[in-house]
Each structure stands twice: as C-alpha cells, then as structure tokens.
PDB file of N, CA and C in Angstrom:
ATOM      1  N   MET A   1     -15.571 -21.423 -16.201  1.00  0.00           N
ATOM      2  CA  MET A   1     -14.330 -20.793 -16.627  1.00  0.00           C
ATOM      3  C   MET A   1     -13.790 -19.887 -15.540  1.00  0.00           C
ATOM      4  N   TYR A   2     -12.512 -19.802 -15.485  1.00  0.00           N
ATOM      5  CA  TYR A   2     -11.869 -18.852 -14.582  1.00  0.00           C
ATOM      6  C   TYR A   2     -10.542 -18.459 -15.146  1.00  0.00           C
ATOM      7  N   ALA A   3      -9.969 -17.422 -14.552  1.00  0.00           N
ATOM      8  CA  ALA A   3      -8.655 -16.965 -15.027  1.00  0.00           C
ATOM      9  C   ALA A   3      -7.930 -16.414 -13.773  1.00  0.00           C
ATOM     10  N   PHE A   4      -6.649 -16.350 -13.889  1.00  0.00           N
ATOM     11  CA  PHE A   4      -5.857 -15.734 -12.818  1.00  0.00           C
ATOM     12  C   PHE A   4      -4.719 -14.979 -13.426  1.00  0.00           C
ATOM     13  N   GLY A   5      -4.117 -14.072 -12.660  1.00  0.00           N
ATOM     14  CA  GLY A   5      -3.026 -13.261 -13.184  1.00  0.00           C
ATOM     15  C   GLY A   5      -2.427 -12.455 -12.055  1.00  0.00           C
ATOM     16  N   ASP A   6      -1.378 -11.776 -12.401  1.00  0.00           N
ATOM     17  CA  ASP A   6      -0.667 -10.915 -11.449  1.00  0.00           C
ATOM     18  C   ASP A   6      -1.081  -9.464 -11.664  1.00  0.00           C
ATOM     19  N   LEU A   7      -1.060  -8.676 -10.601  1.00  0.00           N
ATOM     20  CA  LEU A   7      -1.433  -7.278 -10.671  1.00  0.00           C
ATOM     21  C   LEU A   7      -0.280  -6.385 -10.377  1.00  0.00           C
ATOM     22  N   TRP A   8      -0.342  -5.157 -10.866  1.00  0.00           N
ATOM     23  CA  TRP A   8       0.585  -4.114 -10.441  1.00  0.00           C
ATOM     24  C   TRP A   8      -0.234  -3.032  -9.801  1.00  0.00           C
ATOM     25  N   LEU A   9       0.375  -2.372  -8.785  1.00  0.00           N
ATOM     26  CA  LEU A   9      -0.326  -1.297  -8.037  1.00  0.00           C
ATOM     27  C   LEU A   9       0.694  -0.328  -7.490  1.00  0.00           C
ATOM     28  N   VAL A  10       0.446   0.975  -7.730  1.00  0.00           N
ATOM     29  CA  VAL A  10       1.276   2.040  -7.166  1.00  0.00           C
ATOM     30  C   VAL A  10       0.363   2.774  -6.234  1.00  0.00           C
ATOM     31  N   ALA A  11       0.491   2.489  -4.921  1.00  0.00           N
ATOM     32  CA  ALA A  11      -0.477   3.033  -3.913  1.00  0.00           C
ATOM     33  C   ALA A  11       0.260   3.823  -2.841  1.00  0.00           C
ATOM     34  N   GLU A  12      -0.476   4.705  -2.167  1.00  0.00           N
ATOM     35  CA  GLU A  12       0.056   5.489  -1.118  1.00  0.00           C
ATOM     36  C   GLU A  12      -0.817   5.264   0.132  1.00  0.00           C
ATOM     37  N   ALA A  13      -0.203   5.233   1.293  1.00  0.00           N
ATOM     38  CA  ALA A  13      -0.960   5.020   2.558  1.00  0.00           C
ATOM     39  C   ALA A  13      -1.955   6.178   2.741  1.00  0.00           C
ATOM     40  N   GLY A  14      -3.105   5.831   3.195  1.00  0.00           N
ATOM     41  CA  GLY A  14      -4.171   6.815   3.482  1.00  0.00           C
ATOM     42  C   GLY A  14      -5.029   7.221   2.310  1.00  0.00           C
ATOM     43  N   LYS A  15      -4.741   6.755   1.146  1.00  0.00           N
ATOM     44  CA  LYS A  15      -5.598   7.099  -0.017  1.00  0.00           C
ATOM     45  C   LYS A  15      -6.619   6.009  -0.250  1.00  0.00           C
ATOM     46  N   THR A  16      -7.687   6.340  -0.999  1.00  0.00           N
ATOM     47  CA  THR A  16      -8.749   5.435  -1.331  1.00  0.00           C
ATOM     48  C   THR A  16      -8.646   5.041  -2.829  1.00  0.00           C
ATOM     49  N   TYR A  17      -8.906   3.828  -3.094  1.00  0.00           N
ATOM     50  CA  TYR A  17      -8.794   3.297  -4.511  1.00  0.00           C
ATOM     51  C   TYR A  17     -10.054   2.523  -4.880  1.00  0.00           C
ATOM     52  N   THR A  18     -10.358   2.505  -6.154  1.00  0.00           N
ATOM     53  CA  THR A  18     -11.548   1.774  -6.680  1.00  0.00           C
ATOM     54  C   THR A  18     -11.141   0.849  -7.794  1.00  0.00           C
ATOM     55  N   VAL A  19     -11.560  -0.361  -7.728  1.00  0.00           N
ATOM     56  CA  VAL A  19     -11.293  -1.339  -8.837  1.00  0.00           C
ATOM     57  C   VAL A  19     -12.453  -1.221  -9.791  1.00  0.00           C
ATOM     58  N   LYS A  20     -12.119  -0.996 -11.076  1.00  0.00           N
ATOM     59  CA  LYS A  20     -13.116  -0.828 -12.121  1.00  0.00           C
ATOM     60  C   LYS A  20     -12.933  -1.923 -13.135  1.00  0.00           C
ATOM     61  N   ALA A  21     -14.040  -2.299 -13.771  1.00  0.00           N
ATOM     62  CA  ALA A  21     -13.973  -3.373 -14.796  1.00  0.00           C
ATOM     63  C   ALA A  21     -14.934  -3.110 -15.940  1.00  0.00           C
ATOM     64  N   GLU A  22     -14.581  -3.666 -17.098  1.00  0.00           N
ATOM     65  CA  GLU A  22     -15.435  -3.551 -18.307  1.00  0.00           C
ATOM     66  C   GLU A  22     -15.313  -4.906 -19.045  1.00  0.00           C
ATOM     67  N   SER A  23     -16.495  -5.461 -19.357  1.00  0.00           N
ATOM     68  CA  SER A  23     -16.473  -6.741 -20.095  1.00  0.00           C
ATOM     69  C   SER A  23     -17.033  -6.573 -21.505  1.00  0.00           C
ATOM     70  N   LYS A  24     -16.426  -7.302 -22.379  1.00  0.00           N
ATOM     71  CA  LYS A  24     -16.855  -7.363 -23.826  1.00  0.00           C
ATOM     72  C   LYS A  24     -16.744  -8.841 -24.242  1.00  0.00           C
ATOM     73  N   GLY A  25     -17.823  -9.469 -24.454  1.00  0.00           N
ATOM     74  CA  GLY A  25     -17.844 -10.897 -24.844  1.00  0.00           C
ATOM     75  C   GLY A  25     -17.161 -11.708 -23.773  1.00  0.00           C
ATOM     76  N   TYR A  26     -16.131 -12.411 -24.141  1.00  0.00           N
ATOM     77  CA  TYR A  26     -15.415 -13.260 -23.180  1.00  0.00           C
ATOM     78  C   TYR A  26     -14.190 -12.575 -22.541  1.00  0.00           C
ATOM     79  N   SER A  27     -14.036 -11.288 -22.831  1.00  0.00           N
ATOM     80  CA  SER A  27     -12.884 -10.535 -22.331  1.00  0.00           C
ATOM     81  C   SER A  27     -13.291  -9.635 -21.166  1.00  0.00           C
ATOM     82  N   VAL A  28     -12.442  -9.490 -20.200  1.00  0.00           N
ATOM     83  CA  VAL A  28     -12.635  -8.520 -19.107  1.00  0.00           C
ATOM     84  C   VAL A  28     -11.379  -7.705 -18.973  1.00  0.00           C
ATOM     85  N   HIS A  29     -11.602  -6.426 -18.924  1.00  0.00           N
ATOM     86  CA  HIS A  29     -10.491  -5.438 -18.678  1.00  0.00           C
ATOM     87  C   HIS A  29     -10.791  -4.826 -17.347  1.00  0.00           C
ATOM     88  N   PHE A  30      -9.808  -4.821 -16.446  1.00  0.00           N
ATOM     89  CA  PHE A  30     -10.020  -4.104 -15.179  1.00  0.00           C
ATOM     90  C   PHE A  30      -8.745  -3.329 -14.793  1.00  0.00           C
ATOM     91  N   TRP A  31      -9.004  -2.297 -14.014  1.00  0.00           N
ATOM     92  CA  TRP A  31      -7.922  -1.432 -13.565  1.00  0.00           C
ATOM     93  C   TRP A  31      -8.253  -0.865 -12.216  1.00  0.00           C
ATOM     94  N   ILE A  32      -7.299  -0.218 -11.581  1.00  0.00           N
ATOM     95  CA  ILE A  32      -7.482   0.386 -10.281  1.00  0.00           C
ATOM     96  C   ILE A  32      -7.256   1.900 -10.420  1.00  0.00           C
ATOM     97  N   GLU A  33      -8.176   2.736  -9.917  1.00  0.00           N
ATOM     98  CA  GLU A  33      -8.076   4.177  -9.971  1.00  0.00           C
ATOM     99  C   GLU A  33      -8.001   4.785  -8.562  1.00  0.00           C
ATOM    100  N   ASP A  34      -7.338   5.948  -8.462  1.00  0.00           N
ATOM    101  CA  ASP A  34      -7.424   6.704  -7.230  1.00  0.00           C
ATOM    102  C   ASP A  34      -8.671   7.596  -7.285  1.00  0.00           C
ATOM    103  N   THR A  35      -8.923   8.387  -6.263  1.00  0.00           N
ATOM    104  CA  THR A  35     -10.152   9.245  -6.244  1.00  0.00           C
ATOM    105  C   THR A  35     -10.147  10.338  -7.265  1.00  0.00           C
ATOM    106  N   GLU A  36      -8.979  10.625  -7.886  1.00  0.00           N
ATOM    107  CA  GLU A  36      -8.919  11.613  -8.905  1.00  0.00           C
ATOM    108  C   GLU A  36      -9.067  11.050 -10.328  1.00  0.00           C
ATOM    109  N   GLY A  37      -9.301   9.757 -10.409  1.00  0.00           N
ATOM    110  CA  GLY A  37      -9.463   9.058 -11.691  1.00  0.00           C
ATOM    111  C   GLY A  37      -8.167   8.586 -12.365  1.00  0.00           C
ATOM    112  N   LYS A  38      -7.045   8.795 -11.666  1.00  0.00           N
ATOM    113  CA  LYS A  38      -5.756   8.350 -12.246  1.00  0.00           C
ATOM    114  C   LYS A  38      -5.628   6.863 -12.090  1.00  0.00           C
ATOM    115  N   VAL A  39      -5.198   6.154 -13.170  1.00  0.00           N
ATOM    116  CA  VAL A  39      -4.977   4.693 -13.113  1.00  0.00           C
ATOM    117  C   VAL A  39      -3.699   4.430 -12.345  1.00  0.00           C
ATOM    118  N   VAL A  40      -3.841   3.671 -11.269  1.00  0.00           N
ATOM    119  CA  VAL A  40      -2.713   3.347 -10.372  1.00  0.00           C
ATOM    120  C   VAL A  40      -2.435   1.876 -10.297  1.00  0.00           C
ATOM    121  N   GLY A  41      -3.197   1.070 -11.068  1.00  0.00           N
ATOM    122  CA  GLY A  41      -3.008  -0.397 -11.013  1.00  0.00           C
ATOM    123  C   GLY A  41      -3.722  -1.105 -12.167  1.00  0.00           C
ATOM    124  N   GLY A  42      -3.361  -2.352 -12.363  1.00  0.00           N
ATOM    125  CA  GLY A  42      -4.004  -3.140 -13.397  1.00  0.00           C
ATOM    126  C   GLY A  42      -3.310  -4.515 -13.526  1.00  0.00           C
ATOM    127  N   ILE A  43      -3.481  -5.124 -14.670  1.00  0.00           N
ATOM    128  CA  ILE A  43      -2.903  -6.432 -14.968  1.00  0.00           C
ATOM    129  C   ILE A  43      -1.388  -6.258 -15.268  1.00  0.00           C
ATOM    130  N   LYS A  44      -0.612  -7.081 -14.648  1.00  0.00           N
ATOM    131  CA  LYS A  44       0.863  -6.992 -14.857  1.00  0.00           C
ATOM    132  C   LYS A  44       1.135  -7.296 -16.362  1.00  0.00           C
ATOM    133  N   GLY A  45       1.966  -6.449 -16.939  1.00  0.00           N
ATOM    134  CA  GLY A  45       2.280  -6.577 -18.384  1.00  0.00           C
ATOM    135  C   GLY A  45       1.391  -5.751 -19.265  1.00  0.00           C
ATOM    136  N   SER A  46       0.448  -5.015 -18.681  1.00  0.00           N
ATOM    137  CA  SER A  46      -0.412  -4.163 -19.480  1.00  0.00           C
ATOM    138  C   SER A  46       0.373  -2.921 -19.969  1.00  0.00           C
ATOM    139  N   ASP A  47      -0.130  -2.323 -21.028  1.00  0.00           N
ATOM    140  CA  ASP A  47       0.547  -1.165 -21.627  1.00  0.00           C
ATOM    141  C   ASP A  47       0.727   0.005 -20.650  1.00  0.00           C
ATOM    142  N   ASP A  48      -0.157   0.117 -19.671  1.00  0.00           N
ATOM    143  CA  ASP A  48      -0.052   1.257 -18.744  1.00  0.00           C
ATOM    144  C   ASP A  48       0.741   0.951 -17.494  1.00  0.00           C
ATOM    145  N   GLU A  49       1.277  -0.209 -17.402  1.00  0.00           N
ATOM    146  CA  GLU A  49       2.152  -0.589 -16.222  1.00  0.00           C
ATOM    147  C   GLU A  49       3.424   0.254 -16.194  1.00  0.00           C
ATOM    148  N   PRO A  50       3.683   0.979 -15.079  1.00  0.00           N
ATOM    149  CA  PRO A  50       4.920   1.748 -15.074  1.00  0.00           C
ATOM    150  C   PRO A  50       6.161   0.903 -15.052  1.00  0.00           C
ATOM    151  N   THR A  51       7.251   1.459 -15.562  1.00  0.00           N
ATOM    152  CA  THR A  51       8.539   0.767 -15.488  1.00  0.00           C
ATOM    153  C   THR A  51       9.164   1.069 -14.118  1.00  0.00           C
ATOM    154  N   GLU A  52      10.209   0.392 -13.735  1.00  0.00           N
ATOM    155  CA  GLU A  52      10.790   0.620 -12.449  1.00  0.00           C
ATOM    156  C   GLU A  52      11.272   2.081 -12.295  1.00  0.00           C
ATOM    157  N   HIS A  53      11.612   2.749 -13.367  1.00  0.00           N
ATOM    158  CA  HIS A  53      12.065   4.129 -13.353  1.00  0.00           C
ATOM    159  C   HIS A  53      10.930   5.113 -13.074  1.00  0.00           C
ATOM    160  N   GLU A  54       9.684   4.699 -13.372  1.00  0.00           N
ATOM    161  CA  GLU A  54       8.550   5.568 -13.193  1.00  0.00           C
ATOM    162  C   GLU A  54       7.929   5.435 -11.843  1.00  0.00           C
ATOM    163  N   SER A  55       8.229   4.343 -11.127  1.00  0.00           N
ATOM    164  CA  SER A  55       7.567   4.098  -9.833  1.00  0.00           C
ATOM    165  C   SER A  55       7.990   4.993  -8.745  1.00  0.00           C
TER     166      SER A  55
END
C-alpha cells in the first residue's frame, strides 16, 4: 500500500523544522512543527491549514 498527497508549509529562512507522525491502525497523521512546537505544515486541506489571509 502507498498514498500520496499535497502538503502546506509556512516556513521562514534560517529556522529548523521537524516532521512528526502518529499512526493508528491504517491511518497516519503527520504535521510539521517549528522548534517552539507550533504547527507550521501538514496535509493540504487539513483543518489547521491557514487561509491565504493568515499566511
């Protein structure tokens, strides 16, 4: 099995980011955090994806 999808990311030059993931059964949730723990990326269309006005 495999899957593919688009990502969103709000990044700044010079910062460090970590990709995190959590699996439950056949589902995988993953997101991208900055060093302060703020979510700055994830799957396109997710509830936490910023709108154009928030970027």
